[in-house]
Amino acid sequence: MTTPTGRKFTRQSDRVPVLYGGGARGYRRGVMLNSCPDGMYFEADAPLPPQSVLSIKVMGHYLSGVETDPDDGLRARVKWCDQVANDEAPRYGIGVEFTPRRAFAC
């Protein structure tokens, strides 16, 4: 299902498990709720600071128009993170922008 907005790309709405993090920290679980060729929105149980760089693995789902590394997943930078209003356990909505892998080469 697509979600029309004033954005550059139309967002595809989906509810898909993701793993995010990488490196020495390992991966944590989250749920992607929408995506487009330049980013995604997912929810997780821990906040992430803006400008954090992540690896994101989308579980059992192909994102059209997005370059993915089979081992490391997608490379992304956190644009924003807000707590989701909820009467259960804390949850955070996280918006990320996909970034080229070469932008993070050492």
C-alpha atoms as a PDB file:
ATOM      1  CA  MET A   1       0.000   0.000   0.000  1.00  0.00           C
ATOM      2  CA  THR A   2       1.383   3.455  -0.864  1.00  0.00           C
ATOM      3  CA  THR A   3       1.053   6.533   1.305  1.00  0.00           C
ATOM      4  CA  PRO A   4       0.898   9.841  -0.619  1.00  0.00           C
ATOM      5  CA  THR A   5       2.714  12.729   1.092  1.00  0.00           C
ATOM      6  CA  GLY A   6       4.515  15.934   0.171  1.00  0.00           C
ATOM      7  CA  ARG A   7       7.752  13.929   0.025  1.00  0.00           C
ATOM      8  CA  LYS A   8      10.135  13.371  -2.854  1.00  0.00           C
ATOM      9  CA  PHE A   9       9.130   9.658  -3.045  1.00  0.00           C
ATOM     10  CA  THR A  10       5.908   7.811  -2.313  1.00  0.00           C
ATOM     11  CA  ARG A  11       6.165   5.701   0.815  1.00  0.00           C
ATOM     12  CA  GLN A  12       5.338   2.003   0.758  1.00  0.00           C
ATOM     13  CA  SER A  13       3.498   0.991   3.926  1.00  0.00           C
ATOM     14  CA  ASP A  14       4.369  -2.413   5.294  1.00  0.00           C
ATOM     15  CA  ARG A  15       4.902  -4.098   8.638  1.00  0.00           C
ATOM     16  CA  VAL A  16       8.212  -5.957   8.293  1.00  0.00           C
ATOM     17  CA  PRO A  17      10.740  -7.113  10.937  1.00  0.00           C
ATOM     18  CA  VAL A  18      14.166  -5.473  10.788  1.00  0.00           C
ATOM     19  CA  LEU A  19      17.469  -5.824  12.586  1.00  0.00           C
ATOM     20  CA  TYR A  20      19.384  -2.589  13.179  1.00  0.00           C
ATOM     21  CA  GLY A  21      22.751  -1.683  14.646  1.00  0.00           C
ATOM     22  CA  GLY A  22      25.788  -3.669  13.654  1.00  0.00           C
ATOM     23  CA  GLY A  23      29.434  -3.493  14.554  1.00  0.00           C
ATOM     24  CA  ALA A  24      30.512  -4.276  18.116  1.00  0.00           C
ATOM     25  CA  ARG A  25      27.044  -3.415  19.441  1.00  0.00           C
ATOM     26  CA  GLY A  26      25.410  -6.263  17.546  1.00  0.00           C
ATOM     27  CA  TYR A  27      21.876  -6.037  16.194  1.00  0.00           C
ATOM     28  CA  ARG A  28      18.545  -5.222  17.855  1.00  0.00           C
ATOM     29  CA  ARG A  29      15.034  -5.965  16.636  1.00  0.00           C
ATOM     30  CA  GLY A  30      12.586  -3.405  15.261  1.00  0.00           C
ATOM     31  CA  VAL A  31       9.607  -3.212  12.899  1.00  0.00           C
ATOM     32  CA  MET A  32       9.637  -1.213   9.660  1.00  0.00           C
ATOM     33  CA  LEU A  33       6.294   0.491   9.010  1.00  0.00           C
ATOM     34  CA  ASN A  34       7.090   2.324   5.767  1.00  0.00           C
ATOM     35  CA  SER A  35       9.909   2.871   3.299  1.00  0.00           C
ATOM     36  CA  CYS A  36      10.850   4.577   0.052  1.00  0.00           C
ATOM     37  CA  PRO A  37      14.004   4.557  -2.102  1.00  0.00           C
ATOM     38  CA  ASP A  38      15.767   7.093   0.153  1.00  0.00           C
ATOM     39  CA  GLY A  39      14.715   6.054   3.664  1.00  0.00           C
ATOM     40  CA  MET A  40      12.428   4.274   6.085  1.00  0.00           C
ATOM     41  CA  TYR A  41      10.468   4.622   9.302  1.00  0.00           C
ATOM     42  CA  PHE A  42      10.764   1.878  11.885  1.00  0.00           C
ATOM     43  CA  GLU A  43       9.855   1.430  15.521  1.00  0.00           C
ATOM     44  CA  ALA A  44      12.129   0.011  18.191  1.00  0.00           C
ATOM     45  CA  ASP A  45      12.265  -0.340  21.967  1.00  0.00           C
ATOM     46  CA  ALA A  46      15.309   1.928  22.404  1.00  0.00           C
ATOM     47  CA  PRO A  47      16.007   5.490  21.240  1.00  0.00           C
ATOM     48  CA  LEU A  48      18.766   6.320  18.752  1.00  0.00           C
ATOM     49  CA  PRO A  49      20.520   9.689  18.627  1.00  0.00           C
ATOM     50  CA  PRO A  50      20.128  11.714  15.406  1.00  0.00           C
ATOM     51  CA  GLN A  51      23.098  11.376  13.023  1.00  0.00           C
ATOM     52  CA  SER A  52      23.850   7.829  14.266  1.00  0.00           C
ATOM     53  CA  VAL A  53      24.994   5.560  11.435  1.00  0.00           C
ATOM     54  CA  LEU A  54      23.377   2.112  11.283  1.00  0.00           C
ATOM     55  CA  SER A  55      23.240  -1.069   9.343  1.00  0.00           C
ATOM     56  CA  ILE A  56      19.655  -2.259   8.810  1.00  0.00           C
ATOM     57  CA  LYS A  57      18.692  -5.747   7.711  1.00  0.00           C
ATOM     58  CA  VAL A  58      15.159  -6.071   6.353  1.00  0.00           C
ATOM     59  CA  MET A  59      13.939  -9.563   7.121  1.00  0.00           C
ATOM     60  CA  GLY A  60      12.382 -11.483   4.220  1.00  0.00           C
ATOM     61  CA  HIS A  61      11.423  -8.389   2.231  1.00  0.00           C
ATOM     62  CA  TYR A  62      12.847  -6.677  -0.857  1.00  0.00           C
ATOM     63  CA  LEU A  63      12.928  -2.859  -0.947  1.00  0.00           C
ATOM     64  CA  SER A  64      12.470  -1.653  -4.511  1.00  0.00           C
ATOM     65  CA  GLY A  65      15.109   0.828  -5.716  1.00  0.00           C
ATOM     66  CA  VAL A  66      17.379   0.443  -2.674  1.00  0.00           C
ATOM     67  CA  GLU A  67      20.974  -0.838  -2.829  1.00  0.00           C
ATOM     68  CA  THR A  68      21.494  -3.576  -0.219  1.00  0.00           C
ATOM     69  CA  ASP A  69      24.655  -5.406   0.800  1.00  0.00           C
ATOM     70  CA  PRO A  70      23.758  -9.090   1.324  1.00  0.00           C
ATOM     71  CA  ASP A  71      25.935  -9.345   4.458  1.00  0.00           C
ATOM     72  CA  ASP A  72      25.606  -5.914   6.056  1.00  0.00           C
ATOM     73  CA  GLY A  73      22.166  -4.820   4.839  1.00  0.00           C
ATOM     74  CA  LEU A  74      21.364  -1.162   4.283  1.00  0.00           C
ATOM     75  CA  ARG A  75      23.490   1.720   5.472  1.00  0.00           C
ATOM     76  CA  ALA A  76      21.459   4.562   7.027  1.00  0.00           C
ATOM     77  CA  ARG A  77      21.766   7.729   9.112  1.00  0.00           C
ATOM     78  CA  VAL A  78      19.187   8.548  11.805  1.00  0.00           C
ATOM     79  CA  LYS A  79      17.338  11.759  10.884  1.00  0.00           C
ATOM     80  CA  TRP A  80      14.996  11.843  13.896  1.00  0.00           C
ATOM     81  CA  CYS A  81      13.779   9.755  16.827  1.00  0.00           C
ATOM     82  CA  ASP A  82      10.626  10.360  18.899  1.00  0.00           C
ATOM     83  CA  GLN A  83       8.924   8.367  21.620  1.00  0.00           C
ATOM     84  CA  VAL A  84       5.658   6.837  20.389  1.00  0.00           C
ATOM     85  CA  ALA A  85       2.651   7.655  22.582  1.00  0.00           C
ATOM     86  CA  ASN A  86       1.712   4.333  24.069  1.00  0.00           C
ATOM     87  CA  ASP A  87       0.338   3.007  27.344  1.00  0.00           C
ATOM     88  CA  GLU A  88       2.542  -0.101  27.158  1.00  0.00           C
ATOM     89  CA  ALA A  89       6.346  -0.415  27.201  1.00  0.00           C
ATOM     90  CA  PRO A  90       8.288   2.550  25.747  1.00  0.00           C
ATOM     91  CA  ARG A  91       8.656   2.491  21.952  1.00  0.00           C
ATOM     92  CA  TYR A  92      10.466   4.882  19.644  1.00  0.00           C
ATOM     93  CA  GLY A  93       9.707   5.941  16.078  1.00  0.00           C
ATOM     94  CA  ILE A  94      12.904   6.342  14.063  1.00  0.00           C
ATOM     95  CA  GLY A  95      13.259   7.985  10.659  1.00  0.00           C
ATOM     96  CA  VAL A  96      16.396   7.122   8.706  1.00  0.00           C
ATOM     97  CA  GLU A  97      17.885   8.214   5.402  1.00  0.00           C
ATOM     98  CA  PHE A  98      19.735   5.609   3.361  1.00  0.00           C
ATOM     99  CA  THR A  99      23.322   6.541   2.606  1.00  0.00           C
ATOM    100  CA  PRO A 100      25.776   5.223   0.025  1.00  0.00           C
ATOM    101  CA  ARG A 101      28.144   2.615   1.451  1.00  0.00           C
ATOM    102  CA  ARG A 102      31.129   4.489  -0.005  1.00  0.00           C
ATOM    103  CA  ALA A 103      30.258   7.529   2.164  1.00  0.00           C
ATOM    104  CA  PHE A 104      31.402   5.586   5.236  1.00  0.00           C
ATOM    105  CA  ALA A 105      34.572   3.978   3.931  1.00  0.00           C
ATOM    106  CA  CYS A 106      37.544   4.441   6.273  1.00  0.00           C
END
